[in-house]
Amino acid sequence: VPLQASGGGLVQPGGSPRLACAASTFALDYYAIGWFRQAPGKEREGISCITGRDVIYYADSVKGRFTISRDNRKKAVYLQMNSLKPEDPAVYYCATYQGCGSGFPPGAWGHGTQVTVSS
């Protein structure tokens, strides 16, 4: 499993979880790493991505609420989620990408992390 997502769980409405993506077998420095989510009955949605040069992409659905960042020394990419909405619950995956933007599909990914919103 090249990438492992963590940090999900049960979150209150309006909560602010931070997801982490860890690489176990390679350095992240030269890769674009992004997040996509999959909710039951919905299509996979790419939501954010950061390139090796820190060029960042956000989908409109999360722009202004989510923040992506990376720490190459820790081989990690983070997704800070704020102001969660009812449409945000899903399984979140991190993946490698050839580039960041709405037209790039994910490459390799591992296990996702479930984000559930409940009061």
N, C-alpha and C. Protein backbone atom coordinates (compact mmCIF):
# COMPACT_ATOMS: atom_id res chain seq x y z
N VAL A 1 0.85 -1.19 0.00
CA VAL A 1 0.00 0.00 0.00
C VAL A 1 0.89 1.23 0.00
N PRO A 2 0.91 1.95 -1.08
CA PRO A 2 1.85 3.07 -1.18
C PRO A 2 1.47 4.26 -0.32
N LEU A 3 0.20 4.52 -0.16
CA LEU A 3 -0.24 5.68 0.60
C LEU A 3 -1.31 5.25 1.60
N GLN A 4 -1.25 5.84 2.77
CA GLN A 4 -2.21 5.50 3.81
C GLN A 4 -2.84 6.77 4.34
N ALA A 5 -4.17 6.84 4.27
CA ALA A 5 -4.90 7.98 4.80
C ALA A 5 -5.35 7.69 6.22
N SER A 6 -5.36 8.71 7.06
CA SER A 6 -5.82 8.56 8.43
C SER A 6 -6.40 9.88 8.91
N GLY A 7 -7.02 9.85 10.09
CA GLY A 7 -7.52 11.07 10.69
C GLY A 7 -9.02 11.27 10.61
N GLY A 8 -9.70 10.35 9.95
CA GLY A 8 -11.14 10.47 9.87
C GLY A 8 -11.81 10.02 11.15
N GLY A 9 -13.10 9.89 11.10
CA GLY A 9 -13.86 9.45 12.26
C GLY A 9 -15.18 10.19 12.33
N LEU A 10 -15.75 10.17 13.52
CA LEU A 10 -17.03 10.83 13.76
C LEU A 10 -16.77 12.28 14.13
N VAL A 11 -17.35 13.18 13.38
CA VAL A 11 -17.11 14.61 13.59
C VAL A 11 -18.45 15.31 13.73
N GLN A 12 -18.50 16.30 14.60
CA GLN A 12 -19.72 17.08 14.75
C GLN A 12 -19.90 18.04 13.58
N PRO A 13 -21.12 18.41 13.25
CA PRO A 13 -21.33 19.40 12.18
C PRO A 13 -20.53 20.66 12.44
N GLY A 14 -19.88 21.15 11.41
CA GLY A 14 -19.04 22.33 11.57
C GLY A 14 -17.67 22.02 12.14
N GLY A 15 -17.38 20.74 12.36
CA GLY A 15 -16.10 20.35 12.93
C GLY A 15 -14.94 20.55 11.98
N SER A 16 -13.73 20.30 12.50
CA SER A 16 -12.52 20.58 11.73
C SER A 16 -11.50 19.45 11.85
N PRO A 17 -11.77 18.33 11.28
CA PRO A 17 -10.77 17.25 11.33
C PRO A 17 -9.60 17.53 10.40
N ARG A 18 -8.48 16.92 10.69
CA ARG A 18 -7.33 17.00 9.80
C ARG A 18 -6.96 15.59 9.38
N LEU A 19 -6.97 15.38 8.10
CA LEU A 19 -6.58 14.09 7.56
C LEU A 19 -5.09 14.11 7.23
N ALA A 20 -4.48 12.96 7.37
CA ALA A 20 -3.06 12.82 7.05
C ALA A 20 -2.87 11.71 6.03
N CYS A 21 -1.92 11.91 5.15
CA CYS A 21 -1.57 10.92 4.13
C CYS A 21 -0.09 10.61 4.29
N ALA A 22 0.22 9.38 4.55
CA ALA A 22 1.61 8.98 4.76
C ALA A 22 2.06 8.05 3.65
N ALA A 23 3.26 8.28 3.19
CA ALA A 23 3.88 7.41 2.18
C ALA A 23 4.83 6.46 2.89
N SER A 24 4.71 5.19 2.60
CA SER A 24 5.52 4.21 3.32
C SER A 24 6.76 3.78 2.56
N THR A 25 6.74 3.90 1.25
CA THR A 25 7.83 3.31 0.48
C THR A 25 8.54 4.29 -0.44
N PHE A 26 8.10 5.53 -0.51
CA PHE A 26 8.77 6.46 -1.42
C PHE A 26 8.69 7.88 -0.86
N ALA A 27 9.56 8.72 -1.35
CA ALA A 27 9.57 10.13 -0.94
C ALA A 27 8.53 10.89 -1.74
N LEU A 28 7.83 11.79 -1.08
CA LEU A 28 6.75 12.52 -1.73
C LEU A 28 7.22 13.71 -2.55
N ASP A 29 8.48 14.08 -2.37
CA ASP A 29 8.96 15.36 -2.88
C ASP A 29 8.61 15.62 -4.34
N TYR A 30 8.70 14.58 -5.18
CA TYR A 30 8.58 14.81 -6.61
C TYR A 30 7.20 14.44 -7.15
N TYR A 31 6.28 14.16 -6.26
CA TYR A 31 4.97 13.73 -6.70
C TYR A 31 3.90 14.77 -6.39
N ALA A 32 2.93 14.84 -7.28
CA ALA A 32 1.70 15.53 -6.94
C ALA A 32 0.85 14.55 -6.12
N ILE A 33 0.41 15.02 -4.97
CA ILE A 33 -0.41 14.19 -4.08
C ILE A 33 -1.74 14.89 -3.88
N GLY A 34 -2.79 14.12 -3.97
CA GLY A 34 -4.10 14.73 -3.82
C GLY A 34 -5.07 13.87 -3.03
N TRP A 35 -6.22 14.41 -2.83
CA TRP A 35 -7.28 13.72 -2.10
C TRP A 35 -8.51 13.59 -2.99
N PHE A 36 -9.12 12.43 -2.93
CA PHE A 36 -10.43 12.28 -3.53
C PHE A 36 -11.33 11.59 -2.51
N ARG A 37 -12.61 11.70 -2.72
CA ARG A 37 -13.55 11.09 -1.78
C ARG A 37 -14.60 10.30 -2.53
N GLN A 38 -15.14 9.34 -1.84
CA GLN A 38 -16.16 8.46 -2.41
C GLN A 38 -17.25 8.30 -1.38
N ALA A 39 -18.43 8.76 -1.72
CA ALA A 39 -19.60 8.58 -0.85
C ALA A 39 -20.53 7.56 -1.47
N PRO A 40 -21.30 6.83 -0.67
CA PRO A 40 -22.21 5.82 -1.21
C PRO A 40 -23.16 6.41 -2.24
N GLY A 41 -23.23 5.77 -3.39
CA GLY A 41 -24.15 6.21 -4.42
C GLY A 41 -23.70 7.41 -5.21
N LYS A 42 -22.50 7.91 -4.92
CA LYS A 42 -21.99 9.09 -5.63
C LYS A 42 -20.71 8.75 -6.38
N GLU A 43 -20.43 9.54 -7.39
CA GLU A 43 -19.19 9.35 -8.13
C GLU A 43 -17.99 9.80 -7.30
N ARG A 44 -16.86 9.21 -7.63
CA ARG A 44 -15.61 9.65 -7.01
C ARG A 44 -15.37 11.12 -7.33
N GLU A 45 -14.96 11.87 -6.34
CA GLU A 45 -14.74 13.30 -6.53
C GLU A 45 -13.33 13.69 -6.08
N GLY A 46 -12.55 14.19 -7.00
CA GLY A 46 -11.26 14.75 -6.64
C GLY A 46 -11.46 16.10 -6.00
N ILE A 47 -10.88 16.32 -4.82
CA ILE A 47 -11.18 17.55 -4.11
C ILE A 47 -9.99 18.47 -3.91
N SER A 48 -8.80 17.93 -3.87
CA SER A 48 -7.65 18.80 -3.66
C SER A 48 -6.38 18.08 -4.07
N CYS A 49 -5.36 18.88 -4.40
CA CYS A 49 -4.10 18.31 -4.86
C CYS A 49 -2.99 19.32 -4.66
N ILE A 50 -1.78 18.83 -4.41
CA ILE A 50 -0.63 19.71 -4.28
C ILE A 50 0.53 19.09 -5.03
N THR A 51 1.19 19.88 -5.85
CA THR A 51 2.31 19.37 -6.63
C THR A 51 3.61 19.44 -5.81
N GLY A 52 4.66 18.89 -6.39
CA GLY A 52 5.96 18.95 -5.75
C GLY A 52 6.48 20.37 -5.61
N ARG A 53 5.93 21.28 -6.40
CA ARG A 53 6.32 22.69 -6.31
C ARG A 53 5.26 23.51 -5.60
N ASP A 54 4.39 22.81 -4.87
CA ASP A 54 3.36 23.47 -4.06
C ASP A 54 2.33 24.25 -4.88
N VAL A 55 2.10 23.82 -6.10
CA VAL A 55 0.94 24.33 -6.84
C VAL A 55 -0.27 23.58 -6.31
N ILE A 56 -1.32 24.30 -5.99
CA ILE A 56 -2.46 23.70 -5.28
C ILE A 56 -3.73 23.84 -6.09
N TYR A 57 -4.52 22.79 -6.02
CA TYR A 57 -5.84 22.78 -6.65
C TYR A 57 -6.90 22.42 -5.61
N TYR A 58 -8.04 23.10 -5.70
CA TYR A 58 -9.21 22.74 -4.90
C TYR A 58 -10.43 22.65 -5.82
N ALA A 59 -11.24 21.66 -5.57
CA ALA A 59 -12.54 21.61 -6.22
C ALA A 59 -13.43 22.70 -5.63
N ASP A 60 -14.38 23.16 -6.42
CA ASP A 60 -15.27 24.22 -5.94
C ASP A 60 -16.02 23.81 -4.68
N SER A 61 -16.28 22.52 -4.55
CA SER A 61 -17.08 22.05 -3.43
C SER A 61 -16.37 22.22 -2.08
N VAL A 62 -15.05 22.37 -2.10
CA VAL A 62 -14.30 22.49 -0.84
C VAL A 62 -13.48 23.77 -0.75
N LYS A 63 -13.45 24.51 -1.82
CA LYS A 63 -12.63 25.73 -1.85
C LYS A 63 -13.07 26.69 -0.74
N GLY A 64 -12.09 27.19 -0.02
CA GLY A 64 -12.36 28.10 1.08
C GLY A 64 -12.62 27.41 2.41
N ARG A 65 -12.80 26.09 2.37
CA ARG A 65 -13.08 25.34 3.61
C ARG A 65 -11.96 24.35 3.94
N PHE A 66 -11.38 23.75 2.92
CA PHE A 66 -10.32 22.75 3.12
C PHE A 66 -8.98 23.35 2.72
N THR A 67 -7.93 22.91 3.40
CA THR A 67 -6.57 23.36 3.10
C THR A 67 -5.64 22.16 3.01
N ILE A 68 -4.93 22.08 1.90
CA ILE A 68 -3.97 21.00 1.72
C ILE A 68 -2.56 21.52 1.98
N SER A 69 -1.73 20.68 2.56
CA SER A 69 -0.34 21.06 2.81
C SER A 69 0.52 19.80 2.78
N ARG A 70 1.82 19.98 2.72
CA ARG A 70 2.70 18.83 2.69
C ARG A 70 3.92 19.07 3.55
N ASP A 71 4.47 17.99 4.10
CA ASP A 71 5.71 18.03 4.86
C ASP A 71 6.59 16.92 4.31
N ASN A 72 7.48 17.28 3.42
CA ASN A 72 8.29 16.26 2.75
C ASN A 72 9.20 15.51 3.71
N ARG A 73 9.66 16.17 4.76
CA ARG A 73 10.54 15.48 5.71
C ARG A 73 9.80 14.35 6.41
N LYS A 74 8.53 14.56 6.66
CA LYS A 74 7.72 13.53 7.31
C LYS A 74 7.03 12.62 6.30
N LYS A 75 7.28 12.87 5.02
CA LYS A 75 6.62 12.07 3.97
C LYS A 75 5.11 12.10 4.16
N ALA A 76 4.57 13.27 4.36
CA ALA A 76 3.15 13.37 4.67
C ALA A 76 2.50 14.54 3.93
N VAL A 77 1.25 14.35 3.62
CA VAL A 77 0.39 15.41 3.08
C VAL A 77 -0.85 15.47 3.96
N TYR A 78 -1.29 16.68 4.24
CA TYR A 78 -2.41 16.87 5.15
C TYR A 78 -3.58 17.56 4.46
N LEU A 79 -4.76 17.28 4.96
CA LEU A 79 -5.95 17.97 4.49
C LEU A 79 -6.70 18.48 5.72
N GLN A 80 -6.63 19.77 5.94
CA GLN A 80 -7.37 20.39 7.02
C GLN A 80 -8.77 20.69 6.53
N MET A 81 -9.75 20.12 7.20
CA MET A 81 -11.14 20.27 6.80
C MET A 81 -11.85 21.16 7.81
N ASN A 82 -12.44 22.23 7.35
CA ASN A 82 -13.18 23.14 8.23
C ASN A 82 -14.61 23.28 7.74
N SER A 83 -15.47 23.68 8.65
CA SER A 83 -16.86 23.98 8.32
C SER A 83 -17.50 22.84 7.52
N LEU A 84 -17.47 21.65 8.08
CA LEU A 84 -18.00 20.49 7.37
C LEU A 84 -19.47 20.69 7.04
N LYS A 85 -19.83 20.22 5.87
CA LYS A 85 -21.20 20.30 5.39
C LYS A 85 -21.80 18.91 5.30
N PRO A 86 -23.12 18.83 5.17
CA PRO A 86 -23.76 17.51 5.06
C PRO A 86 -23.27 16.68 3.89
N GLU A 87 -22.76 17.32 2.85
CA GLU A 87 -22.29 16.58 1.68
C GLU A 87 -20.85 16.11 1.81
N ASP A 88 -20.18 16.44 2.92
CA ASP A 88 -18.79 16.06 3.08
C ASP A 88 -18.54 14.62 3.56
N PRO A 89 -19.44 13.97 4.29
CA PRO A 89 -19.16 12.60 4.73
C PRO A 89 -18.88 11.68 3.56
N ALA A 90 -17.80 10.93 3.67
CA ALA A 90 -17.36 10.04 2.60
C ALA A 90 -16.14 9.29 3.10
N VAL A 91 -15.68 8.36 2.30
CA VAL A 91 -14.36 7.79 2.53
C VAL A 91 -13.37 8.64 1.75
N TYR A 92 -12.35 9.11 2.43
CA TYR A 92 -11.36 9.98 1.83
C TYR A 92 -10.08 9.19 1.56
N TYR A 93 -9.58 9.34 0.36
CA TYR A 93 -8.36 8.65 -0.07
C TYR A 93 -7.33 9.69 -0.49
N CYS A 94 -6.08 9.38 -0.25
CA CYS A 94 -5.02 10.18 -0.85
C CYS A 94 -4.36 9.35 -1.94
N ALA A 95 -3.87 10.04 -2.94
CA ALA A 95 -3.36 9.34 -4.12
C ALA A 95 -2.27 10.15 -4.78
N THR A 96 -1.49 9.49 -5.59
CA THR A 96 -0.54 10.20 -6.44
C THR A 96 -1.27 10.66 -7.69
N TYR A 97 -0.81 11.76 -8.24
CA TYR A 97 -1.38 12.30 -9.47
C TYR A 97 -0.24 12.73 -10.39
N GLN A 98 -0.51 12.70 -11.68
CA GLN A 98 0.46 13.22 -12.63
C GLN A 98 0.44 14.73 -12.70
N GLY A 99 -0.62 15.31 -12.26
CA GLY A 99 -0.74 16.76 -12.19
C GLY A 99 -1.95 17.12 -11.36
N CYS A 100 -2.08 18.38 -11.04
CA CYS A 100 -3.19 18.81 -10.21
C CYS A 100 -4.19 19.60 -11.04
N GLY A 101 -5.44 19.20 -10.96
CA GLY A 101 -6.49 19.86 -11.71
C GLY A 101 -7.64 18.91 -11.91
N SER A 102 -8.75 19.45 -12.40
CA SER A 102 -9.96 18.65 -12.49
C SER A 102 -9.84 17.53 -13.52
N GLY A 103 -8.90 17.61 -14.45
CA GLY A 103 -8.80 16.60 -15.50
C GLY A 103 -7.85 15.46 -15.21
N PHE A 104 -7.25 15.45 -14.04
CA PHE A 104 -6.27 14.42 -13.72
C PHE A 104 -6.88 13.35 -12.83
N PRO A 105 -6.89 12.10 -13.27
CA PRO A 105 -7.39 11.02 -12.41
C PRO A 105 -6.31 10.60 -11.42
N PRO A 106 -6.69 9.97 -10.32
CA PRO A 106 -5.70 9.49 -9.36
C PRO A 106 -4.91 8.33 -9.93
N GLY A 107 -3.67 8.19 -9.47
CA GLY A 107 -2.82 7.09 -9.88
C GLY A 107 -2.87 5.98 -8.86
N ALA A 108 -1.92 5.97 -7.94
CA ALA A 108 -1.88 4.94 -6.90
C ALA A 108 -2.46 5.49 -5.60
N TRP A 109 -3.21 4.67 -4.92
CA TRP A 109 -3.74 5.05 -3.61
C TRP A 109 -3.85 3.83 -2.73
N GLY A 110 -4.06 4.05 -1.46
CA GLY A 110 -4.18 2.94 -0.52
C GLY A 110 -5.52 2.99 0.17
N HIS A 111 -5.50 2.59 1.43
CA HIS A 111 -6.72 2.58 2.21
C HIS A 111 -7.20 4.00 2.50
N GLY A 112 -8.48 4.18 2.48
CA GLY A 112 -9.05 5.48 2.79
C GLY A 112 -9.39 5.60 4.26
N THR A 113 -9.90 6.76 4.61
CA THR A 113 -10.35 7.00 5.98
C THR A 113 -11.76 7.59 5.93
N GLN A 114 -12.62 7.05 6.76
CA GLN A 114 -14.03 7.43 6.74
C GLN A 114 -14.24 8.70 7.56
N VAL A 115 -14.91 9.66 6.99
CA VAL A 115 -15.33 10.86 7.71
C VAL A 115 -16.85 10.83 7.81
N THR A 116 -17.34 10.83 9.04
CA THR A 116 -18.77 10.80 9.30
C THR A 116 -19.14 12.03 10.11
N VAL A 117 -20.20 12.69 9.72
CA VAL A 117 -20.66 13.87 10.44
C VAL A 117 -21.94 13.53 11.18
N SER A 118 -21.90 13.74 12.48
CA SER A 118 -23.08 13.43 13.28
C SER A 118 -23.04 14.24 14.56
N SER A 119 -24.21 14.69 14.99
CA SER A 119 -24.28 15.41 16.26
C SER A 119 -24.65 14.46 17.39
